[in-house]
PDB file of N, CA and C in Angstrom:
ATOM      1  N   MET A   1     -15.935  -0.826 -22.445  1.00  0.00           N
ATOM      2  CA  MET A   1     -16.978  -1.813 -22.283  1.00  0.00           C
ATOM      3  C   MET A   1     -16.693  -2.972 -23.238  1.00  0.00           C
ATOM      4  N   ILE A   2     -16.831  -4.183 -22.745  1.00  0.00           N
ATOM      5  CA  ILE A   2     -16.610  -5.372 -23.568  1.00  0.00           C
ATOM      6  C   ILE A   2     -17.920  -5.737 -24.240  1.00  0.00           C
ATOM      7  N   LYS A   3     -17.873  -5.822 -25.553  1.00  0.00           N
ATOM      8  CA  LYS A   3     -19.056  -6.212 -26.317  1.00  0.00           C
ATOM      9  C   LYS A   3     -19.099  -7.730 -26.417  1.00  0.00           C
ATOM     10  N   PRO A   4     -20.299  -8.308 -26.541  1.00  0.00           N
ATOM     11  CA  PRO A   4     -20.392  -9.771 -26.657  1.00  0.00           C
ATOM     12  C   PRO A   4     -19.501 -10.351 -27.742  1.00  0.00           C
ATOM     13  N   SER A   5     -19.301  -9.609 -28.816  1.00  0.00           N
ATOM     14  CA  SER A   5     -18.451 -10.112 -29.900  1.00  0.00           C
ATOM     15  C   SER A   5     -16.976 -10.148 -29.511  1.00  0.00           C
ATOM     16  N   GLU A   6     -16.632  -9.477 -28.398  1.00  0.00           N
ATOM     17  CA  GLU A   6     -15.241  -9.417 -27.970  1.00  0.00           C
ATOM     18  C   GLU A   6     -14.930 -10.370 -26.822  1.00  0.00           C
ATOM     19  N   VAL A   7     -15.902 -11.182 -26.411  1.00  0.00           N
ATOM     20  CA  VAL A   7     -15.733 -12.051 -25.248  1.00  0.00           C
ATOM     21  C   VAL A   7     -14.498 -12.919 -25.376  1.00  0.00           C
ATOM     22  N   GLY A   8     -14.350 -13.620 -26.468  1.00  0.00           N
ATOM     23  CA  GLY A   8     -13.194 -14.494 -26.638  1.00  0.00           C
ATOM     24  C   GLY A   8     -11.893 -13.740 -26.734  1.00  0.00           C
ATOM     25  N   LYS A   9     -11.934 -12.483 -27.133  1.00  0.00           N
ATOM     26  CA  LYS A   9     -10.727 -11.692 -27.305  1.00  0.00           C
ATOM     27  C   LYS A   9     -10.024 -11.407 -25.992  1.00  0.00           C
ATOM     28  N   SER A  10     -10.780 -11.268 -24.894  1.00  0.00           N
ATOM     29  CA  SER A  10     -10.139 -10.951 -23.620  1.00  0.00           C
ATOM     30  C   SER A  10      -9.224 -12.084 -23.175  1.00  0.00           C
ATOM     31  N   GLY A  11      -9.664 -13.331 -23.321  1.00  0.00           N
ATOM     32  CA  GLY A  11      -8.814 -14.465 -22.990  1.00  0.00           C
ATOM     33  C   GLY A  11      -7.610 -14.546 -23.903  1.00  0.00           C
ATOM     34  N   GLU A  12      -7.830 -14.243 -25.170  1.00  0.00           N
ATOM     35  CA  GLU A  12      -6.725 -14.239 -26.116  1.00  0.00           C
ATOM     36  C   GLU A  12      -5.706 -13.175 -25.740  1.00  0.00           C
ATOM     37  N   MET A  13      -6.175 -12.011 -25.294  1.00  0.00           N
ATOM     38  CA  MET A  13      -5.259 -10.939 -24.902  1.00  0.00           C
ATOM     39  C   MET A  13      -4.424 -11.371 -23.705  1.00  0.00           C
ATOM     40  N   VAL A  14      -5.054 -12.010 -22.719  1.00  0.00           N
ATOM     41  CA  VAL A  14      -4.325 -12.471 -21.539  1.00  0.00           C
ATOM     42  C   VAL A  14      -3.264 -13.475 -21.963  1.00  0.00           C
ATOM     43  N   ARG A  15      -3.652 -14.449 -22.776  1.00  0.00           N
ATOM     44  CA  ARG A  15      -2.699 -15.469 -23.215  1.00  0.00           C
ATOM     45  C   ARG A  15      -1.583 -14.865 -24.054  1.00  0.00           C
ATOM     46  N   HIS A  16      -1.921 -13.933 -24.948  1.00  0.00           N
ATOM     47  CA  HIS A  16      -0.919 -13.304 -25.806  1.00  0.00           C
ATOM     48  C   HIS A  16       0.088 -12.522 -24.965  1.00  0.00           C
ATOM     49  N   THR A  17      -0.414 -11.729 -24.021  1.00  0.00           N
ATOM     50  CA  THR A  17       0.467 -10.922 -23.175  1.00  0.00           C
ATOM     51  C   THR A  17       1.362 -11.806 -22.318  1.00  0.00           C
ATOM     52  N   ALA A  18       0.776 -12.820 -21.692  1.00  0.00           N
ATOM     53  CA  ALA A  18       1.566 -13.728 -20.863  1.00  0.00           C
ATOM     54  C   ALA A  18       2.584 -14.478 -21.712  1.00  0.00           C
ATOM     55  N   GLY A  19       2.189 -14.922 -22.891  1.00  0.00           N
ATOM     56  CA  GLY A  19       3.113 -15.613 -23.780  1.00  0.00           C
ATOM     57  C   GLY A  19       4.268 -14.723 -24.198  1.00  0.00           C
ATOM     58  N   ARG A  20       3.961 -13.457 -24.458  1.00  0.00           N
ATOM     59  CA  ARG A  20       4.998 -12.499 -24.843  1.00  0.00           C
ATOM     60  C   ARG A  20       5.972 -12.288 -23.681  1.00  0.00           C
ATOM     61  N   GLU A  21       5.446 -12.179 -22.458  1.00  0.00           N
ATOM     62  CA  GLU A  21       6.300 -11.971 -21.294  1.00  0.00           C
ATOM     63  C   GLU A  21       7.174 -13.186 -21.000  1.00  0.00           C
ATOM     64  N   LEU A  22       6.673 -14.368 -21.304  1.00  0.00           N
ATOM     65  CA  LEU A  22       7.415 -15.589 -21.016  1.00  0.00           C
ATOM     66  C   LEU A  22       8.385 -15.953 -22.135  1.00  0.00           C
ATOM     67  N   GLY A  23       8.302 -15.279 -23.259  1.00  0.00           N
ATOM     68  CA  GLY A  23       9.214 -15.553 -24.355  1.00  0.00           C
ATOM     69  C   GLY A  23       8.519 -16.218 -25.526  1.00  0.00           C
ATOM     70  N   ASN A  24       9.198 -16.228 -26.657  1.00  0.00           N
ATOM     71  CA  ASN A  24       8.615 -16.729 -27.898  1.00  0.00           C
ATOM     72  C   ASN A  24       8.659 -18.244 -28.022  1.00  0.00           C
ATOM     73  N   GLY A  25       9.324 -18.932 -27.137  1.00  0.00           N
ATOM     74  CA  GLY A  25       9.502 -20.368 -27.257  1.00  0.00           C
ATOM     75  C   GLY A  25       8.236 -21.179 -27.100  1.00  0.00           C
ATOM     76  N   TYR A  26       7.148 -20.548 -26.669  1.00  0.00           N
ATOM     77  CA  TYR A  26       5.938 -21.305 -26.392  1.00  0.00           C
ATOM     78  C   TYR A  26       4.931 -21.285 -27.530  1.00  0.00           C
ATOM     79  N   GLY A  27       5.044 -20.359 -28.448  1.00  0.00           N
ATOM     80  CA  GLY A  27       4.096 -20.285 -29.553  1.00  0.00           C
ATOM     81  C   GLY A  27       2.719 -19.871 -29.093  1.00  0.00           C
ATOM     82  N   TYR A  28       1.860 -19.488 -29.997  1.00  0.00           N
ATOM     83  CA  TYR A  28       0.541 -18.994 -29.617  1.00  0.00           C
ATOM     84  C   TYR A  28      -0.453 -20.111 -29.384  1.00  0.00           C
ATOM     85  N   SER A  29      -0.423 -21.149 -30.190  1.00  0.00           N
ATOM     86  CA  SER A  29      -1.435 -22.192 -30.043  1.00  0.00           C
ATOM     87  C   SER A  29      -1.133 -23.145 -28.886  1.00  0.00           C
ATOM     88  N   GLU A  30       0.092 -23.300 -28.531  1.00  0.00           N
ATOM     89  CA  GLU A  30       0.475 -24.202 -27.448  1.00  0.00           C
ATOM     90  C   GLU A  30       1.223 -23.407 -26.389  1.00  0.00           C
ATOM     91  N   HIS A  31       0.480 -22.673 -25.577  1.00  0.00           N
ATOM     92  CA  HIS A  31       1.118 -21.868 -24.546  1.00  0.00           C
ATOM     93  C   HIS A  31       1.644 -22.745 -23.423  1.00  0.00           C
ATOM     94  N   HIS A  32       2.649 -22.230 -22.789  1.00  0.00           N
ATOM     95  CA  HIS A  32       3.213 -22.887 -21.620  1.00  0.00           C
ATOM     96  C   HIS A  32       2.163 -22.901 -20.508  1.00  0.00           C
ATOM     97  N   LYS A  33       2.228 -23.872 -19.637  1.00  0.00           N
ATOM     98  CA  LYS A  33       1.266 -24.023 -18.541  1.00  0.00           C
ATOM     99  C   LYS A  33       1.137 -22.737 -17.723  1.00  0.00           C
ATOM    100  N   THR A  34       2.218 -22.006 -17.564  1.00  0.00           N
ATOM    101  CA  THR A  34       2.163 -20.788 -16.749  1.00  0.00           C
ATOM    102  C   THR A  34       1.258 -19.725 -17.364  1.00  0.00           C
ATOM    103  N   VAL A  35       1.094 -19.745 -18.667  1.00  0.00           N
ATOM    104  CA  VAL A  35       0.179 -18.801 -19.312  1.00  0.00           C
ATOM    105  C   VAL A  35      -1.247 -19.084 -18.855  1.00  0.00           C
ATOM    106  N   TYR A  36      -1.630 -20.342 -18.856  1.00  0.00           N
ATOM    107  CA  TYR A  36      -2.965 -20.723 -18.423  1.00  0.00           C
ATOM    108  C   TYR A  36      -3.141 -20.549 -16.917  1.00  0.00           C
ATOM    109  N   ASP A  37      -2.050 -20.740 -16.154  1.00  0.00           N
ATOM    110  CA  ASP A  37      -2.105 -20.491 -14.713  1.00  0.00           C
ATOM    111  C   ASP A  37      -2.439 -19.031 -14.445  1.00  0.00           C
ATOM    112  N   ARG A  38      -1.843 -18.133 -15.193  1.00  0.00           N
ATOM    113  CA  ARG A  38      -2.131 -16.696 -15.047  1.00  0.00           C
ATOM    114  C   ARG A  38      -3.587 -16.400 -15.383  1.00  0.00           C
ATOM    115  N   GLU A  39      -4.062 -17.000 -16.438  1.00  0.00           N
ATOM    116  CA  GLU A  39      -5.446 -16.768 -16.853  1.00  0.00           C
ATOM    117  C   GLU A  39      -6.414 -17.245 -15.768  1.00  0.00           C
ATOM    118  N   ARG A  40      -6.178 -18.428 -15.216  1.00  0.00           N
ATOM    119  CA  ARG A  40      -7.043 -18.949 -14.145  1.00  0.00           C
ATOM    120  C   ARG A  40      -6.962 -18.078 -12.893  1.00  0.00           C
ATOM    121  N   TYR A  41      -5.780 -17.584 -12.579  1.00  0.00           N
ATOM    122  CA  TYR A  41      -5.615 -16.700 -11.427  1.00  0.00           C
ATOM    123  C   TYR A  41      -6.462 -15.434 -11.605  1.00  0.00           C
ATOM    124  N   LEU A  42      -6.401 -14.853 -12.786  1.00  0.00           N
ATOM    125  CA  LEU A  42      -7.182 -13.637 -13.053  1.00  0.00           C
ATOM    126  C   LEU A  42      -8.682 -13.921 -13.001  1.00  0.00           C
ATOM    127  N   GLU A  43      -9.087 -15.074 -13.477  1.00  0.00           N
ATOM    128  CA  GLU A  43     -10.511 -15.444 -13.417  1.00  0.00           C
ATOM    129  C   GLU A  43     -10.967 -15.578 -11.969  1.00  0.00           C
ATOM    130  N   LYS A  44     -10.119 -16.138 -11.103  1.00  0.00           N
ATOM    131  CA  LYS A  44     -10.477 -16.286  -9.687  1.00  0.00           C
ATOM    132  C   LYS A  44     -10.617 -14.925  -9.007  1.00  0.00           C
ATOM    133  N   LEU A  45      -9.866 -13.933  -9.465  1.00  0.00           N
ATOM    134  CA  LEU A  45      -9.974 -12.601  -8.884  1.00  0.00           C
ATOM    135  C   LEU A  45     -11.357 -11.993  -9.103  1.00  0.00           C
ATOM    136  N   LEU A  46     -12.070 -12.469 -10.109  1.00  0.00           N
ATOM    137  CA  LEU A  46     -13.428 -11.966 -10.349  1.00  0.00           C
ATOM    138  C   LEU A  46     -14.339 -12.235  -9.160  1.00  0.00           C
ATOM    139  N   ALA A  47     -13.998 -13.206  -8.335  1.00  0.00           N
ATOM    140  CA  ALA A  47     -14.807 -13.523  -7.158  1.00  0.00           C
ATOM    141  C   ALA A  47     -14.499 -12.612  -5.977  1.00  0.00           C
ATOM    142  N   THR A  48     -13.413 -11.848  -6.055  1.00  0.00           N
ATOM    143  CA  THR A  48     -13.030 -11.011  -4.917  1.00  0.00           C
ATOM    144  C   THR A  48     -13.007  -9.524  -5.215  1.00  0.00           C
ATOM    145  N   ILE A  49     -12.771  -9.149  -6.448  1.00  0.00           N
ATOM    146  CA  ILE A  49     -12.723  -7.725  -6.794  1.00  0.00           C
ATOM    147  C   ILE A  49     -14.143  -7.218  -6.972  1.00  0.00           C
ATOM    148  N   LYS A  50     -14.528  -6.269  -6.141  1.00  0.00           N
ATOM    149  CA  LYS A  50     -15.884  -5.730  -6.179  1.00  0.00           C
ATOM    150  C   LYS A  50     -16.034  -4.766  -7.360  1.00  0.00           C
ATOM    151  N   PRO A  51     -17.150  -4.828  -8.065  1.00  0.00           N
ATOM    152  CA  PRO A  51     -17.398  -3.855  -9.130  1.00  0.00           C
ATOM    153  C   PRO A  51     -17.596  -2.474  -8.512  1.00  0.00           C
ATOM    154  N   VAL A  52     -17.181  -1.450  -9.237  1.00  0.00           N
ATOM    155  CA  VAL A  52     -17.277  -0.082  -8.739  1.00  0.00           C
ATOM    156  C   VAL A  52     -18.693   0.461  -8.902  1.00  0.00           C
ATOM    157  N   THR A  53     -19.324   0.100  -9.997  1.00  0.00           N
ATOM    158  CA  THR A  53     -20.681   0.583 -10.277  1.00  0.00           C
ATOM    159  C   THR A  53     -21.569  -0.586 -10.674  1.00  0.00           C
ATOM    160  N   ARG A  54     -22.856  -0.335 -10.646  1.00  0.00           N
ATOM    161  CA  ARG A  54     -23.811  -1.356 -11.091  1.00  0.00           C
ATOM    162  C   ARG A  54     -23.591  -1.666 -12.572  1.00  0.00           C
ATOM    163  N   ALA A  55     -23.314  -0.632 -13.361  1.00  0.00           N
ATOM    164  CA  ALA A  55     -23.081  -0.834 -14.796  1.00  0.00           C
ATOM    165  C   ALA A  55     -21.881  -1.748 -15.020  1.00  0.00           C
ATOM    166  N   GLU A  56     -20.827  -1.562 -14.230  1.00  0.00           N
ATOM    167  CA  GLU A  56     -19.659  -2.426 -14.356  1.00  0.00           C
ATOM    168  C   GLU A  56     -20.022  -3.861 -13.988  1.00  0.00           C
ATOM    169  N   ALA A  57     -20.799  -4.028 -12.915  1.00  0.00           N
ATOM    170  CA  ALA A  57     -21.219  -5.368 -12.500  1.00  0.00           C
ATOM    171  C   ALA A  57     -22.023  -6.045 -13.601  1.00  0.00           C
ATOM    172  N   GLU A  58     -22.930  -5.310 -14.235  1.00  0.00           N
ATOM    173  CA  GLU A  58     -23.739  -5.872 -15.315  1.00  0.00           C
ATOM    174  C   GLU A  58     -22.869  -6.261 -16.501  1.00  0.00           C
ATOM    175  N   GLU A  59     -21.922  -5.408 -16.841  1.00  0.00           N
ATOM    176  CA  GLU A  59     -21.044  -5.679 -17.981  1.00  0.00           C
ATOM    177  C   GLU A  59     -20.191  -6.920 -17.732  1.00  0.00           C
ATOM    178  N   VAL A  60     -19.620  -7.015 -16.532  1.00  0.00           N
ATOM    179  CA  VAL A  60     -18.798  -8.180 -16.200  1.00  0.00           C
ATOM    180  C   VAL A  60     -19.663  -9.434 -16.163  1.00  0.00           C
ATOM    181  N   CYS A  61     -20.858  -9.312 -15.628  1.00  0.00           N
ATOM    182  CA  CYS A  61     -21.776 -10.448 -15.572  1.00  0.00           C
ATOM    183  C   CYS A  61     -22.100 -10.954 -16.982  1.00  0.00           C
ATOM    184  N   ARG A  62     -22.426 -10.050 -17.879  1.00  0.00           N
ATOM    185  CA  ARG A  62     -22.719 -10.449 -19.276  1.00  0.00           C
ATOM    186  C   ARG A  62     -21.516 -11.136 -19.907  1.00  0.00           C
ATOM    187  N   TRP A  63     -20.338 -10.535 -19.700  1.00  0.00           N
ATOM    188  CA  TRP A  63     -19.124 -11.115 -20.267  1.00  0.00           C
ATOM    189  C   TRP A  63     -18.879 -12.507 -19.689  1.00  0.00           C
ATOM    190  N   PHE A  64     -19.002 -12.632 -18.357  1.00  0.00           N
ATOM    191  CA  PHE A  64     -18.731 -13.897 -17.690  1.00  0.00           C
ATOM    192  C   PHE A  64     -19.675 -14.996 -18.180  1.00  0.00           C
ATOM    193  N   LEU A  65     -20.951 -14.673 -18.290  1.00  0.00           N
ATOM    194  CA  LEU A  65     -21.928 -15.661 -18.761  1.00  0.00           C
ATOM    195  C   LEU A  65     -21.668 -16.045 -20.218  1.00  0.00           C
ATOM    196  N   ALA A  66     -21.381 -15.057 -21.054  1.00  0.00           N
ATOM    197  CA  ALA A  66     -21.132 -15.332 -22.471  1.00  0.00           C
ATOM    198  C   ALA A  66     -19.836 -16.121 -22.678  1.00  0.00           C
ATOM    199  N   SER A  67     -18.858 -15.907 -21.807  1.00  0.00           N
ATOM    200  CA  SER A  67     -17.563 -16.582 -21.959  1.00  0.00           C
ATOM    201  C   SER A  67     -17.618 -18.052 -21.562  1.00  0.00           C
ATOM    202  N   GLU A  68     -18.636 -18.426 -20.793  1.00  0.00           N
ATOM    203  CA  GLU A  68     -18.797 -19.789 -20.286  1.00  0.00           C
ATOM    204  C   GLU A  68     -17.632 -20.239 -19.408  1.00  0.00           C
ATOM    205  N   LYS A  69     -16.902 -19.290 -18.836  1.00  0.00           N
ATOM    206  CA  LYS A  69     -15.780 -19.623 -17.952  1.00  0.00           C
ATOM    207  C   LYS A  69     -16.263 -20.313 -16.686  1.00  0.00           C
ATOM    208  N   GLY A  70     -17.489 -20.019 -16.263  1.00  0.00           N
ATOM    209  CA  GLY A  70     -18.032 -20.627 -15.061  1.00  0.00           C
ATOM    210  C   GLY A  70     -18.084 -22.137 -15.109  1.00  0.00           C
ATOM    211  N   GLN A  71     -18.164 -22.699 -16.315  1.00  0.00           N
ATOM    212  CA  GLN A  71     -18.204 -24.163 -16.471  1.00  0.00           C
ATOM    213  C   GLN A  71     -16.998 -24.842 -15.841  1.00  0.00           C
ATOM    214  N   TYR A  72     -15.880 -24.140 -15.841  1.00  0.00           N
ATOM    215  CA  TYR A  72     -14.621 -24.735 -15.410  1.00  0.00           C
ATOM    216  C   TYR A  72     -14.222 -24.304 -14.003  1.00  0.00           C
ATOM    217  N   MET A  73     -15.093 -23.537 -13.344  1.00  0.00           N
ATOM    218  CA  MET A  73     -14.790 -23.034 -12.012  1.00  0.00           C
ATOM    219  C   MET A  73     -15.596 -23.785 -10.959  1.00  0.00           C
ATOM    220  N   GLU A  74     -15.108 -23.739  -9.732  1.00  0.00           N
ATOM    221  CA  GLU A  74     -15.808 -24.367  -8.622  1.00  0.00           C
ATOM    222  C   GLU A  74     -17.230 -23.808  -8.527  1.00  0.00           C
ATOM    223  N   ASN A  75     -18.192 -24.684  -8.347  1.00  0.00           N
ATOM    224  CA  ASN A  75     -19.616 -24.318  -8.255  1.00  0.00           C
ATOM    225  C   ASN A  75     -20.084 -23.501  -9.466  1.00  0.00           C
ATOM    226  N   HIS A  76     -19.489 -23.780 -10.600  1.00  0.00           N
ATOM    227  CA  HIS A  76     -19.853 -23.124 -11.860  1.00  0.00           C
ATOM    228  C   HIS A  76     -19.741 -21.607 -11.783  1.00  0.00           C
ATOM    229  N   GLY A  77     -18.771 -21.116 -11.009  1.00  0.00           N
ATOM    230  CA  GLY A  77     -18.532 -19.679 -10.937  1.00  0.00           C
ATOM    231  C   GLY A  77     -19.501 -18.926 -10.050  1.00  0.00           C
ATOM    232  N   ALA A  78     -20.165 -19.631  -9.139  1.00  0.00           N
ATOM    233  CA  ALA A  78     -21.155 -18.982  -8.265  1.00  0.00           C
ATOM    234  C   ALA A  78     -20.540 -17.843  -7.459  1.00  0.00           C
ATOM    235  N   ALA A  79     -19.295 -18.006  -6.992  1.00  0.00           N
ATOM    236  CA  ALA A  79     -18.655 -16.954  -6.201  1.00  0.00           C
ATOM    237  C   ALA A  79     -18.510 -15.668  -7.013  1.00  0.00           C
ATOM    238  N   VAL A  80     -18.231 -15.812  -8.297  1.00  0.00           N
ATOM    239  CA  VAL A  80     -18.127 -14.634  -9.167  1.00  0.00           C
ATOM    240  C   VAL A  80     -19.480 -13.949  -9.267  1.00  0.00           C
ATOM    241  N   MET A  81     -20.505 -14.734  -9.500  1.00  0.00           N
ATOM    242  CA  MET A  81     -21.846 -14.151  -9.640  1.00  0.00           C
ATOM    243  C   MET A  81     -22.300 -13.478  -8.341  1.00  0.00           C
ATOM    244  N   PHE A  82     -22.069 -14.138  -7.198  1.00  0.00           N
ATOM    245  CA  PHE A  82     -22.436 -13.550  -5.911  1.00  0.00           C
ATOM    246  C   PHE A  82     -21.667 -12.251  -5.671  1.00  0.00           C
ATOM    247  N   ASN A  83     -20.400 -12.232  -6.054  1.00  0.00           N
ATOM    248  CA  ASN A  83     -19.600 -11.022  -5.903  1.00  0.00           C
ATOM    249  C   ASN A  83     -20.191  -9.886  -6.739  1.00  0.00           C
ATOM    250  N   LEU A  84     -20.617 -10.194  -7.943  1.00  0.00           N
ATOM    251  CA  LEU A  84     -21.148  -9.164  -8.825  1.00  0.00           C
ATOM    252  C   LEU A  84     -22.471  -8.590  -8.334  1.00  0.00           C
ATOM    253  N   VAL A  85     -23.259  -9.403  -7.639  1.00  0.00           N
ATOM    254  CA  VAL A  85     -24.543  -8.898  -7.126  1.00  0.00           C
ATOM    255  C   VAL A  85     -24.433  -8.434  -5.678  1.00  0.00           C
ATOM    256  N   GLY A  86     -23.226  -8.535  -5.089  1.00  0.00           N
ATOM    257  CA  GLY A  86     -22.999  -8.003  -3.756  1.00  0.00           C
ATOM    258  C   GLY A  86     -23.401  -8.908  -2.616  1.00  0.00           C
ATOM    259  N   GLU A  87     -23.546 -10.193  -2.858  1.00  0.00           N
ATOM    260  CA  GLU A  87     -23.973 -11.121  -1.814  1.00  0.00           C
ATOM    261  C   GLU A  87     -22.814 -11.692  -1.012  1.00  0.00           C
ATOM    262  N   CYS A  88     -21.596 -11.349  -1.347  1.00  0.00           N
ATOM    263  CA  CYS A  88     -20.455 -11.928  -0.645  1.00  0.00           C
ATOM    264  C   CYS A  88     -19.894 -10.994   0.422  1.00  0.00           C
ATOM    265  N   GLU A  89     -20.623  -9.984   0.820  1.00  0.00           N
ATOM    266  CA  GLU A  89     -20.174  -9.084   1.873  1.00  0.00           C
ATOM    267  C   GLU A  89     -19.992  -9.881   3.158  1.00  0.00           C
ATOM    268  N   GLU A  90     -18.899  -9.639   3.847  1.00  0.00           N
ATOM    269  CA  GLU A  90     -18.653 -10.373   5.092  1.00  0.00           C
ATOM    270  C   GLU A  90     -18.900  -9.476   6.277  1.00  0.00           C
TER     271      GLU A  90
END
């Protein structure tokens, strides 16, 4: 479970892992564009991957709201929120 104090850490982990995979030439503070591309790709998956349980949906919802990632997404991340509450069933 991700605690509110760990919200920023998840993005750091994604960037660190991607930076490590791409090599040391990019440094931690100035990652290569592909590192951020990976992070955005993973954020978009939040709109399509269904939560397994209600508890998981609540946890992801809390994390997503606290992370403020929705600010930078289309419609402020509405697709992610709808996915978490189950409104995107086709």
